[in-house]
Protein backbone atom coordinates (compact mmCIF):
# COMPACT_ATOMS: atom_id res chain seq x y z
CA MET A 1 0.55 0.09 0.19
CA ASN A 2 2.73 2.48 1.10
CA LYS A 3 4.69 1.68 -2.44
CA LYS A 4 1.08 2.42 -4.60
CA TRP A 5 0.65 5.90 -2.09
CA THR A 6 4.36 6.56 -3.34
CA ILE A 7 4.34 6.21 -6.83
CA LYS A 8 0.83 8.25 -7.08
CA LYS A 9 2.84 10.88 -4.95
CA LYS A 10 5.88 11.06 -7.24
CA LEU A 11 3.12 11.06 -10.45
CA SER A 12 1.05 13.70 -8.94
CA ILE A 13 4.16 16.05 -8.05
CA VAL A 14 5.84 15.23 -11.92
CA ASN A 15 2.16 16.29 -13.40
CA TRP A 16 1.97 19.23 -11.46
CA LYS A 17 5.04 20.25 -12.68
CA LYS A 18 4.75 19.50 -15.82
CA ASN A 19 1.61 21.17 -15.88
CA SER A 20 3.42 24.41 -14.29
CA ILE A 21 6.00 24.19 -17.14
CA ILE A 22 3.08 24.17 -19.79
CA LEU A 23 1.41 27.53 -18.17
CA VAL A 24 4.59 29.22 -17.85
CA LEU A 25 5.21 28.50 -21.50
CA ILE A 26 2.05 29.83 -22.47
CA LEU A 27 2.18 32.92 -20.44
CA ILE A 28 5.79 33.35 -21.98
CA CYS A 29 4.29 33.61 -25.60
CA THR A 30 0.72 35.58 -24.84
CA LEU A 31 3.31 38.09 -23.47
CA PHE A 32 5.12 37.97 -26.66
CA LEU A 33 2.60 38.08 -28.92
CA VAL A 34 0.60 40.93 -27.22
CA PHE A 35 3.08 43.43 -25.21
CA LEU A 36 6.55 42.70 -27.03
CA ARG A 37 8.45 41.80 -30.53
CA THR A 38 11.76 41.17 -31.26
CA HIS A 39 14.42 43.49 -33.80
CA GLN A 40 17.43 42.82 -34.91
CA VAL A 41 19.26 46.06 -35.55
CA SER A 42 20.98 46.71 -38.77
CA GLY A 43 23.01 49.67 -39.46
CA ASN A 44 25.73 51.72 -37.33
CA SER A 45 22.46 54.30 -36.91
CA MET A 46 22.49 53.66 -33.71
CA LEU A 47 26.20 53.68 -32.35
CA PRO A 48 27.65 53.00 -29.50
CA THR A 49 24.10 52.45 -27.93
CA LEU A 50 23.11 49.77 -30.08
CA ASN A 51 25.70 48.06 -32.99
CA ASP A 52 24.91 46.23 -35.95
CA GLY A 53 23.15 42.97 -35.32
CA ASP A 54 22.11 43.33 -31.94
CA LYS A 55 18.79 41.86 -30.85
CA ILE A 56 16.43 43.95 -28.86
CA LEU A 57 13.15 43.29 -27.06
CA VAL A 58 10.46 46.20 -27.95
CA TRP A 59 7.49 46.99 -26.09
CA LYS A 60 4.48 47.28 -28.08
CA GLY A 61 1.95 50.31 -27.85
CA ARG A 62 3.82 52.24 -25.57
CA VAL A 63 3.89 55.81 -26.08
CA PRO A 64 7.64 57.14 -25.72
CA LYS A 65 9.56 59.61 -23.16
CA ARG A 66 11.92 61.91 -24.52
CA PHE A 67 15.35 60.72 -25.35
CA THR A 68 13.86 56.75 -25.44
CA ILE A 69 14.83 54.32 -28.49
CA ILE A 70 11.97 53.65 -30.65
CA THR A 71 11.52 50.96 -32.97
CA LEU A 72 9.52 52.66 -36.36
CA GLU A 73 8.13 52.16 -39.46
CA PRO A 74 9.44 54.67 -42.23
CA MET A 75 6.52 56.26 -44.41
CA ASP A 76 8.73 56.02 -47.47
CA ASN A 77 9.80 52.38 -47.06
CA PRO A 78 6.90 50.10 -44.97
CA GLN A 79 8.93 46.42 -45.42
CA GLU A 80 11.76 48.39 -42.83
CA SER A 81 12.00 49.60 -39.66
CA TYR A 82 14.27 52.05 -38.07
CA VAL A 83 15.79 52.14 -34.30
CA LYS A 84 16.10 56.03 -33.44
CA ARG A 85 16.13 58.41 -30.29
CA VAL A 86 12.90 60.43 -29.34
CA ILE A 87 14.38 63.82 -29.42
CA GLY A 88 11.01 66.41 -29.96
CA MET A 89 7.67 65.29 -28.38
CA PRO A 90 4.21 67.21 -29.62
CA GLY A 91 3.83 70.68 -28.09
CA ASP A 92 7.98 71.05 -28.28
CA ASN A 93 8.65 74.39 -29.58
CA LEU A 94 10.41 75.18 -33.26
CA ASP A 95 12.28 77.80 -34.03
CA LEU A 96 13.65 77.50 -37.64
CA LYS A 97 15.75 79.60 -39.11
CA GLY A 98 17.07 78.50 -42.70
CA ASN A 99 17.93 74.81 -42.37
CA SER A 100 18.77 75.50 -38.68
CA LEU A 101 16.01 74.20 -36.23
CA ARG A 102 15.88 74.92 -32.99
CA ILE A 103 13.76 72.51 -30.80
CA SER A 104 12.93 73.85 -27.32
CA TYR A 105 11.19 71.73 -23.84
CA LEU A 106 11.13 72.24 -20.55
CA THR A 107 12.61 69.27 -18.47
CA ASP A 108 12.53 70.36 -14.49
CA LYS A 109 10.94 73.61 -15.33
CA VAL A 110 14.66 74.63 -17.14
CA GLU A 111 14.23 75.20 -20.61
CA GLU A 112 16.11 73.22 -22.51
CA TYR A 113 17.19 72.44 -26.48
CA GLU A 114 18.56 70.75 -29.09
CA GLU A 115 19.66 72.50 -32.42
CA ILE A 116 19.89 70.39 -35.69
CA ASN A 117 20.49 70.85 -39.31
CA VAL A 118 17.67 69.77 -41.60
CA THR A 119 17.57 69.27 -45.36
CA GLU A 120 15.99 72.04 -47.36
CA GLY A 121 12.80 69.27 -48.14
CA VAL A 122 12.03 68.54 -44.24
CA ALA A 123 12.81 73.01 -43.52
CA MET A 124 10.28 73.42 -46.26
CA ILE A 125 7.77 71.24 -44.83
CA LEU A 126 8.14 72.65 -41.22
CA GLU A 127 8.25 76.31 -42.60
CA GLY A 128 5.66 78.24 -40.21
CA GLN A 129 5.16 76.07 -37.37
CA SER A 130 5.63 76.83 -34.27
CA GLU A 131 5.91 73.61 -32.24
CA ILE A 132 5.76 69.80 -32.97
CA PRO A 133 1.98 68.93 -33.55
CA ARG A 134 0.18 66.08 -31.89
CA ASP A 135 1.37 62.92 -32.39
CA LYS A 136 4.47 63.79 -34.07
CA TYR A 137 7.62 63.21 -32.99
CA PHE A 138 11.25 64.25 -33.95
CA VAL A 139 14.00 61.08 -34.17
CA LEU A 140 17.63 61.13 -34.39
CA GLY A 141 19.77 58.49 -34.87
CA ASP A 142 22.78 58.26 -32.09
CA ASN A 143 25.37 58.26 -34.88
CA ARG A 144 24.30 61.50 -36.47
CA SER A 145 27.21 61.30 -39.40
CA HIS A 146 25.48 57.95 -40.28
CA SER A 147 21.56 58.14 -39.92
CA ASN A 148 18.93 58.82 -41.66
CA ASP A 149 16.10 60.51 -39.44
CA SER A 150 14.37 63.13 -38.74
CA ARG A 151 16.71 65.56 -40.27
CA SER A 152 15.53 64.11 -43.50
CA MET A 153 12.20 62.23 -43.22
CA GLY A 154 10.83 65.13 -41.33
CA LEU A 155 8.39 64.53 -38.07
CA ILE A 156 7.43 60.43 -37.82
CA ASN A 157 4.11 59.80 -36.78
CA ARG A 158 2.80 58.11 -33.57
CA THR A 159 1.19 55.36 -36.37
CA GLN A 160 4.37 55.08 -37.20
CA ILE A 161 5.94 53.61 -34.03
CA GLU A 162 6.14 50.21 -33.19
CA GLY A 163 7.32 50.15 -29.89
CA VAL A 164 9.80 51.34 -26.92
CA VAL A 165 12.90 49.62 -27.00
CA GLY A 166 13.61 47.37 -23.41
CA TRP A 167 16.26 45.44 -23.37
CA ARG A 168 18.61 43.93 -25.87
CA TYR A 169 19.01 40.34 -24.91
CA TYR A 170 22.52 39.63 -27.79
CA PRO A 171 24.88 39.51 -27.94
CA PHE A 172 25.13 37.82 -24.43
CA ASN A 173 27.96 39.90 -23.55
CA ARG A 174 25.47 43.09 -23.77
CA ILE A 175 22.62 41.69 -21.87
CA GLY A 176 20.48 44.83 -20.26
CA HIS A 177 18.63 47.79 -20.27
CA ILE A 178 18.75 49.86 -23.06
CA LYS A 179 18.89 53.81 -22.31
């Protein structure tokens, strides 16, 4: 009788562990389907923060904050996905003089600004605008000399943003939170 009881108890524990593992896997899959996506960095526009070939996790549907890194779908090439840093937010002040754009904003009640040179086409689009419109963002690559970003694409729409970058999971020696 004790042997039967011991075997039943062991089988019960094994079934419980197996069911727990299956449940955890289902939860992880659901998490990825609903909240996360993976992305592989292509190119050097985000050096030194992200290298070509880095693999990152992106939180889908999050509204970006200033200086967060996002992935976006460019309007002119919807099959591509870019990784950029948010510099200008809706409501930030714009001051355009020729091709020189000044984006000013408040942080901790102190006015700060970024000065950026934009292409003539972007300057024409931004001419007469005094602030970044609702649901629009100005993004730049960290490697400014090798980046196709808002300096040439103009402001991006909120609908183009795929998500906010959270973690790098490859290469293994650089795993961690991305800032």
